[in-house]
Amino acid sequence: ASAARAERAGFTVVDDMARLVADSALLLSIVPPGEAVAL
């Protein structure tokens, strides 16, 4: 379901986290509150 939402929204999927971090000016954490610290 998350993958489908990302596709519909036009996101670019980057599963290499080092590359995702390096390519981004901002990183928005939007997860259930119980997962915020762990992320």
PDB file of all heavy atoms in Angstrom:
ATOM      1  N   ALA A   1       0.837  -1.208   0.000  1.00  0.00           N
ATOM      2  CA  ALA A   1       0.000   0.000   0.000  1.00  0.00           C
ATOM      3  C   ALA A   1       0.869   1.253   0.000  1.00  0.00           C
ATOM      4  O   ALA A   1       0.573   2.229  -0.698  1.00  0.00           O
ATOM      5  CB  ALA A   1      -0.932  -0.003   1.212  1.00  0.00           C
ATOM      6  N   SER A   2       1.962   1.233   0.772  1.00  0.00           N
ATOM      7  CA  SER A   2       2.888   2.371   0.780  1.00  0.00           C
ATOM      8  C   SER A   2       3.530   2.556  -0.581  1.00  0.00           C
ATOM      9  O   SER A   2       3.678   3.689  -1.070  1.00  0.00           O
ATOM     10  CB  SER A   2       3.973   2.172   1.839  1.00  0.00           C
ATOM     11  OG  SER A   2       3.439   2.249   3.133  1.00  0.00           O
ATOM     12  N   ALA A   3       3.915   1.452  -1.202  1.00  0.00           N
ATOM     13  CA  ALA A   3       4.522   1.529  -2.533  1.00  0.00           C
ATOM     14  C   ALA A   3       3.543   2.122  -3.540  1.00  0.00           C
ATOM     15  O   ALA A   3       3.929   2.952  -4.381  1.00  0.00           O
ATOM     16  CB  ALA A   3       4.980   0.144  -2.980  1.00  0.00           C
ATOM     17  N   ALA A   4       2.286   1.726  -3.457  1.00  0.00           N
ATOM     18  CA  ALA A   4       1.276   2.246  -4.378  1.00  0.00           C
ATOM     19  C   ALA A   4       1.063   3.737  -4.146  1.00  0.00           C
ATOM     20  O   ALA A   4       0.921   4.515  -5.103  1.00  0.00           O
ATOM     21  CB  ALA A   4      -0.037   1.479  -4.199  1.00  0.00           C
ATOM     22  N   ARG A   5       1.036   4.161  -2.881  1.00  0.00           N
ATOM     23  CA  ARG A   5       0.868   5.591  -2.582  1.00  0.00           C
ATOM     24  C   ARG A   5       2.048   6.396  -3.122  1.00  0.00           C
ATOM     25  O   ARG A   5       1.871   7.486  -3.681  1.00  0.00           O
ATOM     26  CB  ARG A   5       0.712   5.807  -1.076  1.00  0.00           C
ATOM     27  CG  ARG A   5      -0.671   5.503  -0.538  1.00  0.00           C
ATOM     28  CD  ARG A   5      -0.828   5.972   0.892  1.00  0.00           C
ATOM     29  NE  ARG A   5       0.003   5.212   1.815  1.00  0.00           N
ATOM     30  CZ  ARG A   5      -0.411   4.163   2.518  1.00  0.00           C
ATOM     31  NH1 ARG A   5      -1.668   3.768   2.405  1.00  0.00           N
ATOM     32  NH2 ARG A   5       0.406   3.532   3.336  1.00  0.00           N
ATOM     33  N   ALA A   6       3.257   5.865  -2.954  1.00  0.00           N
ATOM     34  CA  ALA A   6       4.440   6.568  -3.449  1.00  0.00           C
ATOM     35  C   ALA A   6       4.399   6.717  -4.960  1.00  0.00           C
ATOM     36  O   ALA A   6       4.754   7.769  -5.509  1.00  0.00           O
ATOM     37  CB  ALA A   6       5.701   5.814  -3.021  1.00  0.00           C
ATOM     38  N   GLU A   7       3.947   5.679  -5.645  1.00  0.00           N
ATOM     39  CA  GLU A   7       3.864   5.739  -7.108  1.00  0.00           C
ATOM     40  C   GLU A   7       2.824   6.768  -7.554  1.00  0.00           C
ATOM     41  O   GLU A   7       3.084   7.572  -8.453  1.00  0.00           O
ATOM     42  CB  GLU A   7       3.517   4.361  -7.657  1.00  0.00           C
ATOM     43  CG  GLU A   7       3.466   4.322  -9.184  1.00  0.00           C
ATOM     44  CD  GLU A   7       3.187   2.936  -9.732  1.00  0.00           C
ATOM     45  OE1 GLU A   7       2.994   1.991  -8.928  1.00  0.00           O
ATOM     46  OE2 GLU A   7       3.153   2.788 -10.960  1.00  0.00           O
ATOM     47  N   ARG A   8       1.665   6.738  -6.906  1.00  0.00           N
ATOM     48  CA  ARG A   8       0.607   7.690  -7.283  1.00  0.00           C
ATOM     49  C   ARG A   8       1.041   9.133  -7.027  1.00  0.00           C
ATOM     50  O   ARG A   8       0.661  10.044  -7.765  1.00  0.00           O
ATOM     51  CB  ARG A   8      -0.674   7.389  -6.503  1.00  0.00           C
ATOM     52  CG  ARG A   8      -1.407   6.119  -6.945  1.00  0.00           C
ATOM     53  CD  ARG A   8      -2.815   6.085  -6.388  1.00  0.00           C
ATOM     54  NE  ARG A   8      -2.848   6.101  -4.939  1.00  0.00           N
ATOM     55  CZ  ARG A   8      -2.831   5.021  -4.166  1.00  0.00           C
ATOM     56  NH1 ARG A   8      -2.776   3.816  -4.728  1.00  0.00           N
ATOM     57  NH2 ARG A   8      -2.884   5.123  -2.848  1.00  0.00           N
ATOM     58  N   ALA A   9       1.826   9.333  -5.978  1.00  0.00           N
ATOM     59  CA  ALA A   9       2.255  10.687  -5.626  1.00  0.00           C
ATOM     60  C   ALA A   9       3.444  11.164  -6.452  1.00  0.00           C
ATOM     61  O   ALA A   9       3.833  12.329  -6.362  1.00  0.00           O
ATOM     62  CB  ALA A   9       2.607  10.747  -4.138  1.00  0.00           C
ATOM     63  N   GLY A  10       4.025  10.268  -7.257  1.00  0.00           N
ATOM     64  CA  GLY A  10       5.148  10.659  -8.104  1.00  0.00           C
ATOM     65  C   GLY A  10       6.479  10.716  -7.386  1.00  0.00           C
ATOM     66  O   GLY A  10       7.379  11.459  -7.799  1.00  0.00           O
ATOM     67  N   PHE A  11       6.646   9.932  -6.321  1.00  0.00           N
ATOM     68  CA  PHE A  11       7.909   9.914  -5.593  1.00  0.00           C
ATOM     69  C   PHE A  11       8.976   9.148  -6.383  1.00  0.00           C
ATOM     70  O   PHE A  11       8.670   8.221  -7.126  1.00  0.00           O
ATOM     71  CB  PHE A  11       7.754   9.214  -4.241  1.00  0.00           C
ATOM     72  CG  PHE A  11       6.939   9.975  -3.223  1.00  0.00           C
ATOM     73  CD1 PHE A  11       6.224  11.110  -3.553  1.00  0.00           C
ATOM     74  CD2 PHE A  11       6.889   9.533  -1.913  1.00  0.00           C
ATOM     75  CE1 PHE A  11       5.476  11.790  -2.605  1.00  0.00           C
ATOM     76  CE2 PHE A  11       6.152  10.197  -0.953  1.00  0.00           C
ATOM     77  CZ  PHE A  11       5.437  11.332  -1.299  1.00  0.00           C
ATOM     78  N   THR A  12      10.219   9.509  -6.161  1.00  0.00           N
ATOM     79  CA  THR A  12      11.355   8.742  -6.664  1.00  0.00           C
ATOM     80  C   THR A  12      11.827   7.832  -5.539  1.00  0.00           C
ATOM     81  O   THR A  12      12.148   8.309  -4.439  1.00  0.00           O
ATOM     82  CB  THR A  12      12.503   9.666  -7.096  1.00  0.00           C
ATOM     83  OG1 THR A  12      12.051  10.504  -8.169  1.00  0.00           O
ATOM     84  CG2 THR A  12      13.706   8.860  -7.562  1.00  0.00           C
ATOM     85  N   VAL A  13      11.842   6.538  -5.781  1.00  0.00           N
ATOM     86  CA  VAL A  13      12.211   5.572  -4.748  1.00  0.00           C
ATOM     87  C   VAL A  13      13.720   5.383  -4.739  1.00  0.00           C
ATOM     88  O   VAL A  13      14.319   5.045  -5.763  1.00  0.00           O
ATOM     89  CB  VAL A  13      11.494   4.220  -4.973  1.00  0.00           C
ATOM     90  CG1 VAL A  13      11.938   3.197  -3.923  1.00  0.00           C
ATOM     91  CG2 VAL A  13       9.983   4.419  -4.931  1.00  0.00           C
ATOM     92  N   VAL A  14      14.342   5.605  -3.578  1.00  0.00           N
ATOM     93  CA  VAL A  14      15.786   5.445  -3.401  1.00  0.00           C
ATOM     94  C   VAL A  14      15.992   4.618  -2.138  1.00  0.00           C
ATOM     95  O   VAL A  14      15.891   5.139  -1.027  1.00  0.00           O
ATOM     96  CB  VAL A  14      16.494   6.814  -3.257  1.00  0.00           C
ATOM     97  CG1 VAL A  14      18.003   6.616  -3.099  1.00  0.00           C
ATOM     98  CG2 VAL A  14      16.189   7.712  -4.445  1.00  0.00           C
ATOM     99  N   ASP A  15      16.266   3.331  -2.304  1.00  0.00           N
ATOM    100  CA  ASP A  15      16.403   2.481  -1.129  1.00  0.00           C
ATOM    101  C   ASP A  15      17.823   2.437  -0.568  1.00  0.00           C
ATOM    102  O   ASP A  15      18.064   1.819   0.467  1.00  0.00           O
ATOM    103  CB  ASP A  15      15.908   1.062  -1.440  1.00  0.00           C
ATOM    104  CG  ASP A  15      14.374   0.993  -1.406  1.00  0.00           C
ATOM    105  OD1 ASP A  15      13.780   1.754  -0.619  1.00  0.00           O
ATOM    106  OD2 ASP A  15      13.795   0.211  -2.162  1.00  0.00           O
ATOM    107  N   ASP A  16      18.765   3.104  -1.232  1.00  0.00           N
ATOM    108  CA  ASP A  16      20.103   3.292  -0.662  1.00  0.00           C
ATOM    109  C   ASP A  16      20.027   4.535   0.233  1.00  0.00           C
ATOM    110  O   ASP A  16      19.989   5.670  -0.259  1.00  0.00           O
ATOM    111  CB  ASP A  16      21.121   3.497  -1.788  1.00  0.00           C
ATOM    112  CG  ASP A  16      22.537   3.729  -1.272  1.00  0.00           C
ATOM    113  OD1 ASP A  16      22.693   4.022  -0.073  1.00  0.00           O
ATOM    114  OD2 ASP A  16      23.480   3.629  -2.071  1.00  0.00           O
ATOM    115  N   MET A  17      19.987   4.332   1.560  1.00  0.00           N
ATOM    116  CA  MET A  17      19.752   5.456   2.466  1.00  0.00           C
ATOM    117  C   MET A  17      20.873   6.490   2.408  1.00  0.00           C
ATOM    118  O   MET A  17      20.624   7.680   2.563  1.00  0.00           O
ATOM    119  CB  MET A  17      19.576   4.941   3.893  1.00  0.00           C
ATOM    120  CG  MET A  17      18.331   4.080   4.096  1.00  0.00           C
ATOM    121  SD  MET A  17      16.800   4.935   3.576  1.00  0.00           S
ATOM    122  CE  MET A  17      16.743   6.267   4.750  1.00  0.00           C
ATOM    123  N   ALA A  18      22.099   6.053   2.163  1.00  0.00           N
ATOM    124  CA  ALA A  18      23.203   7.009   2.067  1.00  0.00           C
ATOM    125  C   ALA A  18      22.980   7.953   0.893  1.00  0.00           C
ATOM    126  O   ALA A  18      23.216   9.168   0.995  1.00  0.00           O
ATOM    127  CB  ALA A  18      24.529   6.264   1.928  1.00  0.00           C
ATOM    128  N   ARG A  19      22.526   7.403  -0.221  1.00  0.00           N
ATOM    129  CA  ARG A  19      22.260   8.250  -1.391  1.00  0.00           C
ATOM    130  C   ARG A  19      21.059   9.140  -1.156  1.00  0.00           C
ATOM    131  O   ARG A  19      21.047  10.329  -1.526  1.00  0.00           O
ATOM    132  CB  ARG A  19      22.032   7.367  -2.614  1.00  0.00           C
ATOM    133  CG  ARG A  19      21.913   8.171  -3.903  1.00  0.00           C
ATOM    134  CD  ARG A  19      21.728   7.308  -5.124  1.00  0.00           C
ATOM    135  NE  ARG A  19      20.700   7.873  -5.981  1.00  0.00           N
ATOM    136  CZ  ARG A  19      19.764   7.182  -6.588  1.00  0.00           C
ATOM    137  NH1 ARG A  19      19.689   5.874  -6.437  1.00  0.00           N
ATOM    138  NH2 ARG A  19      18.877   7.769  -7.356  1.00  0.00           N
ATOM    139  N   LEU A  20      20.026   8.607  -0.531  1.00  0.00           N
ATOM    140  CA  LEU A  20      18.833   9.411  -0.249  1.00  0.00           C
ATOM    141  C   LEU A  20      19.201  10.609   0.612  1.00  0.00           C
ATOM    142  O   LEU A  20      18.779  11.733   0.349  1.00  0.00           O
ATOM    143  CB  LEU A  20      17.783   8.538   0.443  1.00  0.00           C
ATOM    144  CG  LEU A  20      16.450   9.210   0.795  1.00  0.00           C
ATOM    145  CD1 LEU A  20      15.290   8.230   0.620  1.00  0.00           C
ATOM    146  CD2 LEU A  20      16.449   9.729   2.235  1.00  0.00           C
ATOM    147  N   VAL A  21      19.998  10.386   1.645  1.00  0.00           N
ATOM    148  CA  VAL A  21      20.420  11.472   2.535  1.00  0.00           C
ATOM    149  C   VAL A  21      21.275  12.480   1.781  1.00  0.00           C
ATOM    150  O   VAL A  21      21.085  13.702   1.884  1.00  0.00           O
ATOM    151  CB  VAL A  21      21.198  10.881   3.740  1.00  0.00           C
ATOM    152  CG1 VAL A  21      21.990  11.968   4.461  1.00  0.00           C
ATOM    153  CG2 VAL A  21      20.236  10.204   4.703  1.00  0.00           C
ATOM    154  N   ALA A  22      22.221  11.998   0.990  1.00  0.00           N
ATOM    155  CA  ALA A  22      23.142  12.890   0.283  1.00  0.00           C
ATOM    156  C   ALA A  22      22.433  13.756  -0.748  1.00  0.00           C
ATOM    157  O   ALA A  22      22.858  14.891  -1.016  1.00  0.00           O
ATOM    158  CB  ALA A  22      24.242  12.073  -0.389  1.00  0.00           C
ATOM    159  N   ASP A  23      21.351  13.244  -1.325  1.00  0.00           N
ATOM    160  CA  ASP A  23      20.671  13.966  -2.400  1.00  0.00           C
ATOM    161  C   ASP A  23      19.597  14.926  -1.895  1.00  0.00           C
ATOM    162  O   ASP A  23      19.003  15.663  -2.691  1.00  0.00           O
ATOM    163  CB  ASP A  23      20.008  12.970  -3.366  1.00  0.00           C
ATOM    164  CG  ASP A  23      21.021  12.238  -4.230  1.00  0.00           C
ATOM    165  OD1 ASP A  23      22.213  12.596  -4.168  1.00  0.00           O
ATOM    166  OD2 ASP A  23      20.618  11.304  -4.949  1.00  0.00           O
ATOM    167  N   SER A  24      19.318  14.945  -0.579  1.00  0.00           N
ATOM    168  CA  SER A  24      18.184  15.711  -0.056  1.00  0.00           C
ATOM    169  C   SER A  24      18.635  16.939   0.730  1.00  0.00           C
ATOM    170  O   SER A  24      19.602  16.888   1.494  1.00  0.00           O
ATOM    171  CB  SER A  24      17.331  14.826   0.862  1.00  0.00           C
ATOM    172  OG  SER A  24      16.886  13.672   0.174  1.00  0.00           O
ATOM    173  N   ALA A  25      17.911  18.022   0.548  1.00  0.00           N
ATOM    174  CA  ALA A  25      18.143  19.223   1.353  1.00  0.00           C
ATOM    175  C   ALA A  25      17.368  19.157   2.665  1.00  0.00           C
ATOM    176  O   ALA A  25      17.812  19.682   3.690  1.00  0.00           O
ATOM    177  CB  ALA A  25      17.730  20.466   0.570  1.00  0.00           C
ATOM    178  N   LEU A  26      16.207  18.522   2.616  1.00  0.00           N
ATOM    179  CA  LEU A  26      15.369  18.343   3.804  1.00  0.00           C
ATOM    180  C   LEU A  26      14.968  16.882   3.896  1.00  0.00           C
ATOM    181  O   LEU A  26      14.734  16.229   2.870  1.00  0.00           O
ATOM    182  CB  LEU A  26      14.093  19.198   3.727  1.00  0.00           C
ATOM    183  CG  LEU A  26      14.226  20.713   3.642  1.00  0.00           C
ATOM    184  CD1 LEU A  26      12.858  21.327   3.386  1.00  0.00           C
ATOM    185  CD2 LEU A  26      14.831  21.280   4.917  1.00  0.00           C
ATOM    186  N   LEU A  27      14.848  16.371   5.112  1.00  0.00           N
ATOM    187  CA  LEU A  27      14.326  15.025   5.333  1.00  0.00           C
ATOM    188  C   LEU A  27      13.165  15.132   6.308  1.00  0.00           C
ATOM    189  O   LEU A  27      13.355  15.546   7.455  1.00  0.00           O
ATOM    190  CB  LEU A  27      15.414  14.098   5.878  1.00  0.00           C
ATOM    191  CG  LEU A  27      15.079  12.604   5.908  1.00  0.00           C
ATOM    192  CD1 LEU A  27      16.370  11.777   5.889  1.00  0.00           C
ATOM    193  CD2 LEU A  27      14.239  12.216   7.113  1.00  0.00           C
ATOM    194  N   LEU A  28      11.978  14.806   5.827  1.00  0.00           N
ATOM    195  CA  LEU A  28      10.772  14.891   6.648  1.00  0.00           C
ATOM    196  C   LEU A  28      10.429  13.508   7.190  1.00  0.00           C
ATOM    197  O   LEU A  28      10.184  12.574   6.427  1.00  0.00           O
ATOM    198  CB  LEU A  28       9.586  15.422   5.830  1.00  0.00           C
ATOM    199  CG  LEU A  28       9.426  16.949   5.722  1.00  0.00           C
ATOM    200  CD1 LEU A  28      10.682  17.603   5.163  1.00  0.00           C
ATOM    201  CD2 LEU A  28       8.213  17.290   4.852  1.00  0.00           C
ATOM    202  N   SER A  29      10.425  13.385   8.504  1.00  0.00           N
ATOM    203  CA  SER A  29      10.006  12.148   9.164  1.00  0.00           C
ATOM    204  C   SER A  29       8.512  12.252   9.446  1.00  0.00           C
ATOM    205  O   SER A  29       8.083  13.081  10.257  1.00  0.00           O
ATOM    206  CB  SER A  29      10.780  11.959  10.475  1.00  0.00           C
ATOM    207  OG  SER A  29      10.176  10.947  11.264  1.00  0.00           O
ATOM    208  N   ILE A  30       7.714  11.412   8.753  1.00  0.00           N
ATOM    209  CA  ILE A  30       6.257  11.414   8.927  1.00  0.00           C
ATOM    210  C   ILE A  30       5.843   9.960   9.122  1.00  0.00           C
ATOM    211  O   ILE A  30       5.513   9.246   8.172  1.00  0.00           O
ATOM    212  CB  ILE A  30       5.531  12.057   7.731  1.00  0.00           C
ATOM    213  CG1 ILE A  30       6.098  13.454   7.441  1.00  0.00           C
ATOM    214  CG2 ILE A  30       4.028  12.141   8.007  1.00  0.00           C
ATOM    215  CD1 ILE A  30       5.447  14.160   6.256  1.00  0.00           C
ATOM    216  N   VAL A  31       5.899   9.501  10.360  1.00  0.00           N
ATOM    217  CA  VAL A  31       5.616   8.110  10.701  1.00  0.00           C
ATOM    218  C   VAL A  31       4.693   8.092  11.923  1.00  0.00           C
ATOM    219  O   VAL A  31       4.491   9.125  12.567  1.00  0.00           O
ATOM    220  CB  VAL A  31       6.918   7.338  11.001  1.00  0.00           C
ATOM    221  CG1 VAL A  31       7.800   7.251   9.764  1.00  0.00           C
ATOM    222  CG2 VAL A  31       7.691   7.975  12.159  1.00  0.00           C
ATOM    223  N   PRO A  32       4.105   6.945  12.264  1.00  0.00           N
ATOM    224  CA  PRO A  32       3.346   6.867  13.513  1.00  0.00           C
ATOM    225  C   PRO A  32       4.222   7.303  14.681  1.00  0.00           C
ATOM    226  O   PRO A  32       5.438   7.016  14.697  1.00  0.00           O
ATOM    227  CB  PRO A  32       2.962   5.388  13.598  1.00  0.00           C
ATOM    228  CG  PRO A  32       2.922   4.937  12.171  1.00  0.00           C
ATOM    229  CD  PRO A  32       4.036   5.688  11.499  1.00  0.00           C
ATOM    230  N   PRO A  33       3.669   7.997  15.672  1.00  0.00           N
ATOM    231  CA  PRO A  33       4.500   8.568  16.742  1.00  0.00           C
ATOM    232  C   PRO A  33       5.345   7.556  17.487  1.00  0.00           C
ATOM    233  O   PRO A  33       6.451   7.878  17.933  1.00  0.00           O
ATOM    234  CB  PRO A  33       3.482   9.246  17.670  1.00  0.00           C
ATOM    235  CG  PRO A  33       2.141   8.732  17.260  1.00  0.00           C
ATOM    236  CD  PRO A  33       2.255   8.368  15.819  1.00  0.00           C
ATOM    237  N   GLY A  34       4.862   6.330  17.590  1.00  0.00           N
ATOM    238  CA  GLY A  34       5.635   5.309  18.274  1.00  0.00           C
ATOM    239  C   GLY A  34       6.896   4.902  17.545  1.00  0.00           C
ATOM    240  O   GLY A  34       7.763   4.227  18.118  1.00  0.00           O
ATOM    241  N   GLU A  35       7.033   5.297  16.272  1.00  0.00           N
ATOM    242  CA  GLU A  35       8.195   4.933  15.463  1.00  0.00           C
ATOM    243  C   GLU A  35       9.183   6.084  15.287  1.00  0.00           C
ATOM    244  O   GLU A  35      10.235   5.917  14.670  1.00  0.00           O
ATOM    245  CB  GLU A  35       7.732   4.463  14.075  1.00  0.00           C
ATOM    246  CG  GLU A  35       6.823   3.251  14.094  1.00  0.00           C
ATOM    247  CD  GLU A  35       6.304   2.894  12.711  1.00  0.00           C
ATOM    248  OE1 GLU A  35       6.882   3.375  11.713  1.00  0.00           O
ATOM    249  OE2 GLU A  35       5.317   2.142  12.624  1.00  0.00           O
ATOM    250  N   ALA A  36       8.861   7.255  15.820  1.00  0.00           N
ATOM    251  CA  ALA A  36       9.648   8.452  15.524  1.00  0.00           C
ATOM    252  C   ALA A  36      11.072   8.366  16.055  1.00  0.00           C
ATOM    253  O   ALA A  36      12.040   8.687  15.351  1.00  0.00           O
ATOM    254  CB  ALA A  36       8.948   9.691  16.095  1.00  0.00           C
ATOM    255  N   VAL A  37      11.244   7.934  17.312  1.00  0.00           N
ATOM    256  CA  VAL A  37      12.587   7.843  17.885  1.00  0.00           C
ATOM    257  C   VAL A  37      13.403   6.767  17.183  1.00  0.00           C
ATOM    258  O   VAL A  37      14.582   6.971  16.854  1.00  0.00           O
ATOM    259  CB  VAL A  37      12.516   7.568  19.400  1.00  0.00           C
ATOM    260  CG1 VAL A  37      13.912   7.307  19.964  1.00  0.00           C
ATOM    261  CG2 VAL A  37      11.868   8.741  20.131  1.00  0.00           C
ATOM    262  N   ALA A  38      12.783   5.623  16.935  1.00  0.00           N
ATOM    263  CA  ALA A  38      13.494   4.520  16.279  1.00  0.00           C
ATOM    264  C   ALA A  38      13.991   4.918  14.894  1.00  0.00           C
ATOM    265  O   ALA A  38      15.091   4.529  14.485  1.00  0.00           O
ATOM    266  CB  ALA A  38      12.590   3.296  16.186  1.00  0.00           C
ATOM    267  N   LEU A  39      13.201   5.699  14.159  1.00  0.00           N
ATOM    268  CA  LEU A  39      13.627   6.134  12.835  1.00  0.00           C
ATOM    269  C   LEU A  39      14.847   7.046  12.949  1.00  0.00           C
ATOM    270  O   LEU A  39      15.822   6.896  12.192  1.00  0.00           O
ATOM    271  CB  LEU A  39      12.496   6.862  12.118  1.00  0.00           C
ATOM    272  CG  LEU A  39      12.851   7.452  10.752  1.00  0.00           C
ATOM    273  CD1 LEU A  39      13.263   6.349   9.778  1.00  0.00           C
ATOM    274  CD2 LEU A  39      11.675   8.253  10.179  1.00  0.00           C
TER     275      LEU A  39
END
